[in-house]
Amino acid sequence: MNEGHMSDDPRYPIGRFHSPDTITSQDRVDLISSIASAPALLCRAVADLTPEQLDTPYRDGGWTVRQVAHHVPDSHMNAYIRFKLALTEVDPVIKPYREGEWAQLPDTAGTPIETSLVLMEKLHERWVILLRAISEEGWNRQFVHPEMGAVPLERSTALYAWHGKHHIAHITELRKRRGW
């Protein structure tokens, strides 16, 4: 899961996601805590940035800080729905989405990032309540991604704990490089 490991590759500032072979109940607690803390960390990462800074790509050819700030809640909304589907259906096949195209939609440029920050805060509030209530049996549930196959909920929890840190690090590393 690469916790605490920084990379020289600006695409993967905390390293690529590596799915753990096993996840203990304590690992789940830690992963859920990471998901719970992501909204505040994202808010802190974008605090006091100017419109020009928000429209700066975090790397050459990468998304802008604004696009990243809108992408994380977009992605996590999809994850939340996938969890609910997996907990209420047997091996539901989920619909992937084109995140790059979502980042180009008019609401990304036209919505204040504060809207997405509040959305993420409230979404994570609900998601964490759900995650903390999943039974041992529930953790054996999965959804089916058309391109990745079966995705167990534990693996998805690890992925999204990493995902929040990954994108927050895009912003914090840009701020360090630029002295913001």
C-alpha atoms as a PDB file:
ATOM      1  CA  MET A   1       0.000   0.000   0.000  1.00  0.00           C
ATOM      2  CA  ASN A   2       3.105   2.178   0.099  1.00  0.00           C
ATOM      3  CA  GLU A   3       2.221   4.166   3.189  1.00  0.00           C
ATOM      4  CA  GLY A   4       4.707   6.943   3.793  1.00  0.00           C
ATOM      5  CA  HIS A   5       6.826   6.141   0.723  1.00  0.00           C
ATOM      6  CA  MET A   6       7.520   9.099  -1.559  1.00  0.00           C
ATOM      7  CA  SER A   7       8.438   8.575  -5.199  1.00  0.00           C
ATOM      8  CA  ASP A   8      10.376  10.747  -7.633  1.00  0.00           C
ATOM      9  CA  ASP A   9       7.727  10.056 -10.291  1.00  0.00           C
ATOM     10  CA  PRO A  10       5.295  13.014 -10.173  1.00  0.00           C
ATOM     11  CA  ARG A  11       2.508  10.746 -11.484  1.00  0.00           C
ATOM     12  CA  TYR A  12       2.836   8.525  -8.398  1.00  0.00           C
ATOM     13  CA  PRO A  13       4.198  10.668  -5.574  1.00  0.00           C
ATOM     14  CA  ILE A  14       3.444   7.986  -2.955  1.00  0.00           C
ATOM     15  CA  GLY A  15       4.175   5.105  -5.322  1.00  0.00           C
ATOM     16  CA  ARG A  16       1.761   2.945  -7.282  1.00  0.00           C
ATOM     17  CA  PHE A  17      -0.999   1.072  -5.526  1.00  0.00           C
ATOM     18  CA  HIS A  18      -0.071  -2.459  -4.563  1.00  0.00           C
ATOM     19  CA  SER A  19      -2.884  -4.634  -3.313  1.00  0.00           C
ATOM     20  CA  PRO A  20      -1.975  -6.318  -0.043  1.00  0.00           C
ATOM     21  CA  ASP A  21      -2.022 -10.120  -0.016  1.00  0.00           C
ATOM     22  CA  THR A  22      -3.993 -10.151   3.214  1.00  0.00           C
ATOM     23  CA  ILE A  23      -5.876  -7.503   5.152  1.00  0.00           C
ATOM     24  CA  THR A  24      -6.409  -7.991   8.872  1.00  0.00           C
ATOM     25  CA  SER A  25      -9.239  -6.462  10.863  1.00  0.00           C
ATOM     26  CA  GLN A  26      -6.716  -3.917  12.235  1.00  0.00           C
ATOM     27  CA  ASP A  27      -5.630  -3.114   8.664  1.00  0.00           C
ATOM     28  CA  ARG A  28      -9.292  -2.415   7.847  1.00  0.00           C
ATOM     29  CA  VAL A  29      -9.555  -0.050  10.820  1.00  0.00           C
ATOM     30  CA  ASP A  30      -6.451   1.794   9.606  1.00  0.00           C
ATOM     31  CA  LEU A  31      -7.675   1.935   5.996  1.00  0.00           C
ATOM     32  CA  ILE A  32     -11.062   3.277   7.079  1.00  0.00           C
ATOM     33  CA  SER A  33      -9.317   5.897   9.236  1.00  0.00           C
ATOM     34  CA  SER A  34      -7.347   6.945   6.172  1.00  0.00           C
ATOM     35  CA  ILE A  35     -10.556   7.325   4.171  1.00  0.00           C
ATOM     36  CA  ALA A  36     -12.104   9.274   7.067  1.00  0.00           C
ATOM     37  CA  SER A  37      -9.187  11.727   7.166  1.00  0.00           C
ATOM     38  CA  ALA A  38      -8.985  12.349   3.404  1.00  0.00           C
ATOM     39  CA  PRO A  39     -11.502  15.229   3.189  1.00  0.00           C
ATOM     40  CA  ALA A  40      -9.677  17.320   5.802  1.00  0.00           C
ATOM     41  CA  LEU A  41      -6.325  16.571   4.180  1.00  0.00           C
ATOM     42  CA  LEU A  42      -7.632  17.611   0.754  1.00  0.00           C
ATOM     43  CA  CYS A  43      -9.026  20.839   2.238  1.00  0.00           C
ATOM     44  CA  ARG A  44      -5.662  21.562   3.817  1.00  0.00           C
ATOM     45  CA  ALA A  45      -3.838  20.780   0.553  1.00  0.00           C
ATOM     46  CA  VAL A  46      -5.829  23.352  -1.444  1.00  0.00           C
ATOM     47  CA  ALA A  47      -6.166  25.976   1.300  1.00  0.00           C
ATOM     48  CA  ASP A  48      -5.437  29.544   0.225  1.00  0.00           C
ATOM     49  CA  LEU A  49      -4.551  28.706  -3.376  1.00  0.00           C
ATOM     50  CA  THR A  50      -5.268  31.428  -5.921  1.00  0.00           C
ATOM     51  CA  PRO A  51      -7.367  30.759  -9.042  1.00  0.00           C
ATOM     52  CA  GLU A  52      -4.134  30.714 -11.060  1.00  0.00           C
ATOM     53  CA  GLN A  53      -2.611  28.147  -8.709  1.00  0.00           C
ATOM     54  CA  LEU A  54      -5.780  26.026  -8.885  1.00  0.00           C
ATOM     55  CA  ASP A  55      -5.462  26.041 -12.674  1.00  0.00           C
ATOM     56  CA  THR A  56      -1.831  24.847 -12.550  1.00  0.00           C
ATOM     57  CA  PRO A  57      -1.197  21.235 -13.606  1.00  0.00           C
ATOM     58  CA  TYR A  58       0.431  19.183 -10.855  1.00  0.00           C
ATOM     59  CA  ARG A  59       2.870  17.883 -13.524  1.00  0.00           C
ATOM     60  CA  ASP A  60       3.516  18.409 -17.230  1.00  0.00           C
ATOM     61  CA  GLY A  61       0.558  16.901 -19.060  1.00  0.00           C
ATOM     62  CA  GLY A  62      -1.314  16.275 -15.811  1.00  0.00           C
ATOM     63  CA  TRP A  63      -4.552  17.530 -14.398  1.00  0.00           C
ATOM     64  CA  THR A  64      -4.806  20.918 -12.754  1.00  0.00           C
ATOM     65  CA  VAL A  65      -5.192  21.208  -8.996  1.00  0.00           C
ATOM     66  CA  ARG A  66      -8.824  22.189  -9.659  1.00  0.00           C
ATOM     67  CA  GLN A  67      -9.413  19.032 -11.697  1.00  0.00           C
ATOM     68  CA  VAL A  68      -7.838  16.894  -8.977  1.00  0.00           C
ATOM     69  CA  ALA A  69      -9.970  18.561  -6.286  1.00  0.00           C
ATOM     70  CA  HIS A  70     -13.133  17.711  -8.249  1.00  0.00           C
ATOM     71  CA  HIS A  71     -11.925  14.255  -9.342  1.00  0.00           C
ATOM     72  CA  VAL A  72     -11.410  12.808  -5.871  1.00  0.00           C
ATOM     73  CA  PRO A  73     -15.051  13.170  -4.769  1.00  0.00           C
ATOM     74  CA  ASP A  74     -16.243  12.082  -8.243  1.00  0.00           C
ATOM     75  CA  SER A  75     -14.184   8.922  -7.924  1.00  0.00           C
ATOM     76  CA  HIS A  76     -15.156   8.288  -4.326  1.00  0.00           C
ATOM     77  CA  MET A  77     -18.866   8.719  -5.148  1.00  0.00           C
ATOM     78  CA  ASN A  78     -18.472   5.902  -7.640  1.00  0.00           C
ATOM     79  CA  ALA A  79     -16.673   3.826  -5.002  1.00  0.00           C
ATOM     80  CA  TYR A  80     -19.404   4.441  -2.422  1.00  0.00           C
ATOM     81  CA  ILE A  81     -22.084   3.289  -4.863  1.00  0.00           C
ATOM     82  CA  ARG A  82     -19.998   0.206  -5.729  1.00  0.00           C
ATOM     83  CA  PHE A  83     -19.790  -0.704  -2.036  1.00  0.00           C
ATOM     84  CA  LYS A  84     -23.548  -0.345  -1.641  1.00  0.00           C
ATOM     85  CA  LEU A  85     -24.146  -2.483  -4.725  1.00  0.00           C
ATOM     86  CA  ALA A  86     -21.765  -5.177  -3.451  1.00  0.00           C
ATOM     87  CA  LEU A  87     -23.482  -5.206  -0.063  1.00  0.00           C
ATOM     88  CA  THR A  88     -26.976  -5.537  -1.536  1.00  0.00           C
ATOM     89  CA  GLU A  89     -26.439  -7.691  -4.633  1.00  0.00           C
ATOM     90  CA  VAL A  90     -24.450 -10.832  -5.413  1.00  0.00           C
ATOM     91  CA  ASP A  91     -21.340  -9.966  -7.445  1.00  0.00           C
ATOM     92  CA  PRO A  92     -22.858  -6.933  -9.198  1.00  0.00           C
ATOM     93  CA  VAL A  93     -21.186  -5.843 -12.401  1.00  0.00           C
ATOM     94  CA  ILE A  94     -20.367  -2.165 -11.997  1.00  0.00           C
ATOM     95  CA  LYS A  95     -20.110   0.469 -14.684  1.00  0.00           C
ATOM     96  CA  PRO A  96     -16.685   2.013 -15.172  1.00  0.00           C
ATOM     97  CA  TYR A  97     -16.529   5.700 -16.002  1.00  0.00           C
ATOM     98  CA  ARG A  98     -14.187   7.819 -18.104  1.00  0.00           C
ATOM     99  CA  GLU A  99     -12.487   9.885 -15.416  1.00  0.00           C
ATOM    100  CA  GLY A 100     -10.419  11.860 -17.920  1.00  0.00           C
ATOM    101  CA  GLU A 101     -13.561  12.930 -19.737  1.00  0.00           C
ATOM    102  CA  TRP A 102     -15.315  13.707 -16.450  1.00  0.00           C
ATOM    103  CA  ALA A 103     -12.413  16.054 -15.617  1.00  0.00           C
ATOM    104  CA  GLN A 104     -13.133  17.958 -18.858  1.00  0.00           C
ATOM    105  CA  LEU A 105     -16.866  18.469 -18.245  1.00  0.00           C
ATOM    106  CA  PRO A 106     -18.035  22.062 -17.668  1.00  0.00           C
ATOM    107  CA  ASP A 107     -18.846  21.499 -13.994  1.00  0.00           C
ATOM    108  CA  THR A 108     -15.157  20.902 -13.280  1.00  0.00           C
ATOM    109  CA  ALA A 109     -14.126  24.365 -14.447  1.00  0.00           C
ATOM    110  CA  GLY A 110     -17.400  26.038 -13.449  1.00  0.00           C
ATOM    111  CA  THR A 111     -17.883  24.774  -9.905  1.00  0.00           C
ATOM    112  CA  PRO A 112     -16.012  26.313  -6.982  1.00  0.00           C
ATOM    113  CA  ILE A 113     -13.729  23.687  -5.420  1.00  0.00           C
ATOM    114  CA  GLU A 114     -15.402  24.390  -2.075  1.00  0.00           C
ATOM    115  CA  THR A 115     -18.499  22.646  -3.425  1.00  0.00           C
ATOM    116  CA  SER A 116     -16.536  19.468  -4.084  1.00  0.00           C
ATOM    117  CA  LEU A 117     -14.710  19.755  -0.755  1.00  0.00           C
ATOM    118  CA  VAL A 118     -18.039  19.830   1.115  1.00  0.00           C
ATOM    119  CA  LEU A 119     -19.369  17.043  -1.103  1.00  0.00           C
ATOM    120  CA  MET A 120     -16.346  14.918  -0.242  1.00  0.00           C
ATOM    121  CA  GLU A 121     -16.658  15.674   3.467  1.00  0.00           C
ATOM    122  CA  LYS A 122     -20.299  14.595   3.581  1.00  0.00           C
ATOM    123  CA  LEU A 123     -19.786  11.649   1.228  1.00  0.00           C
ATOM    124  CA  HIS A 124     -16.942  10.332   3.387  1.00  0.00           C
ATOM    125  CA  GLU A 125     -19.057  10.827   6.496  1.00  0.00           C
ATOM    126  CA  ARG A 126     -21.666   8.446   5.046  1.00  0.00           C
ATOM    127  CA  TRP A 127     -19.081   6.087   3.529  1.00  0.00           C
ATOM    128  CA  VAL A 128     -17.150   5.723   6.787  1.00  0.00           C
ATOM    129  CA  ILE A 129     -20.365   4.967   8.688  1.00  0.00           C
ATOM    130  CA  LEU A 130     -21.064   2.235   6.141  1.00  0.00           C
ATOM    131  CA  LEU A 131     -17.494   0.888   6.209  1.00  0.00           C
ATOM    132  CA  ARG A 132     -17.394   0.714  10.005  1.00  0.00           C
ATOM    133  CA  ALA A 133     -20.676  -1.207  10.031  1.00  0.00           C
ATOM    134  CA  ILE A 134     -19.696  -3.932   7.541  1.00  0.00           C
ATOM    135  CA  SER A 135     -19.836  -7.363   9.172  1.00  0.00           C
ATOM    136  CA  GLU A 136     -17.112  -9.974   8.798  1.00  0.00           C
ATOM    137  CA  GLU A 137     -19.394 -11.732   6.330  1.00  0.00           C
ATOM    138  CA  GLY A 138     -19.925  -8.461   4.482  1.00  0.00           C
ATOM    139  CA  TRP A 139     -16.182  -8.037   3.989  1.00  0.00           C
ATOM    140  CA  ASN A 140     -16.296 -11.201   1.860  1.00  0.00           C
ATOM    141  CA  ARG A 141     -18.525  -9.419  -0.670  1.00  0.00           C
ATOM    142  CA  GLN A 142     -17.229  -8.122  -3.975  1.00  0.00           C
ATOM    143  CA  PHE A 143     -18.255  -6.359  -7.133  1.00  0.00           C
ATOM    144  CA  VAL A 144     -17.198  -7.198 -10.660  1.00  0.00           C
ATOM    145  CA  HIS A 145     -15.352  -4.596 -12.697  1.00  0.00           C
ATOM    146  CA  PRO A 146     -15.658  -5.348 -16.435  1.00  0.00           C
ATOM    147  CA  GLU A 147     -11.917  -4.768 -16.977  1.00  0.00           C
ATOM    148  CA  MET A 148     -10.434  -5.841 -13.613  1.00  0.00           C
ATOM    149  CA  GLY A 149     -12.683  -8.771 -12.723  1.00  0.00           C
ATOM    150  CA  ALA A 150     -13.846  -9.478  -9.187  1.00  0.00           C
ATOM    151  CA  VAL A 151     -12.867  -6.775  -6.701  1.00  0.00           C
ATOM    152  CA  PRO A 152     -13.274  -7.736  -3.030  1.00  0.00           C
ATOM    153  CA  LEU A 153     -14.455  -4.918  -0.749  1.00  0.00           C
ATOM    154  CA  GLU A 154     -11.282  -5.166   1.351  1.00  0.00           C
ATOM    155  CA  ARG A 155      -9.132  -4.579  -1.740  1.00  0.00           C
ATOM    156  CA  SER A 156     -11.339  -1.684  -2.796  1.00  0.00           C
ATOM    157  CA  THR A 157     -10.998  -0.154   0.679  1.00  0.00           C
ATOM    158  CA  ALA A 158      -7.207  -0.366   0.384  1.00  0.00           C
ATOM    159  CA  LEU A 159      -7.342   1.128  -3.113  1.00  0.00           C
ATOM    160  CA  TYR A 160      -9.419   4.134  -2.065  1.00  0.00           C
ATOM    161  CA  ALA A 161      -7.371   4.763   1.070  1.00  0.00           C
ATOM    162  CA  TRP A 162      -4.372   4.941  -1.283  1.00  0.00           C
ATOM    163  CA  HIS A 163      -6.311   6.940  -3.918  1.00  0.00           C
ATOM    164  CA  GLY A 164      -7.070   9.837  -1.583  1.00  0.00           C
ATOM    165  CA  LYS A 165      -3.446  10.042  -0.407  1.00  0.00           C
ATOM    166  CA  HIS A 166      -2.221   9.714  -4.008  1.00  0.00           C
ATOM    167  CA  HIS A 167      -4.145  12.731  -5.276  1.00  0.00           C
ATOM    168  CA  ILE A 168      -3.576  14.829  -2.164  1.00  0.00           C
ATOM    169  CA  ALA A 169       0.150  14.207  -2.642  1.00  0.00           C
ATOM    170  CA  HIS A 170      -0.155  15.488  -6.231  1.00  0.00           C
ATOM    171  CA  ILE A 171      -1.196  18.824  -4.751  1.00  0.00           C
ATOM    172  CA  THR A 172       1.122  18.923  -1.735  1.00  0.00           C
ATOM    173  CA  GLU A 173       4.153  17.955  -3.813  1.00  0.00           C
ATOM    174  CA  LEU A 174       3.309  20.665  -6.385  1.00  0.00           C
ATOM    175  CA  ARG A 175       3.060  23.181  -3.540  1.00  0.00           C
ATOM    176  CA  LYS A 176       6.479  22.112  -2.241  1.00  0.00           C
ATOM    177  CA  ARG A 177       8.076  22.327  -5.691  1.00  0.00           C
ATOM    178  CA  ARG A 178       6.566  25.775  -6.315  1.00  0.00           C
ATOM    179  CA  GLY A 179       7.064  27.109  -2.777  1.00  0.00           C
ATOM    180  CA  TRP A 180       3.350  27.826  -2.348  1.00  0.00           C
END
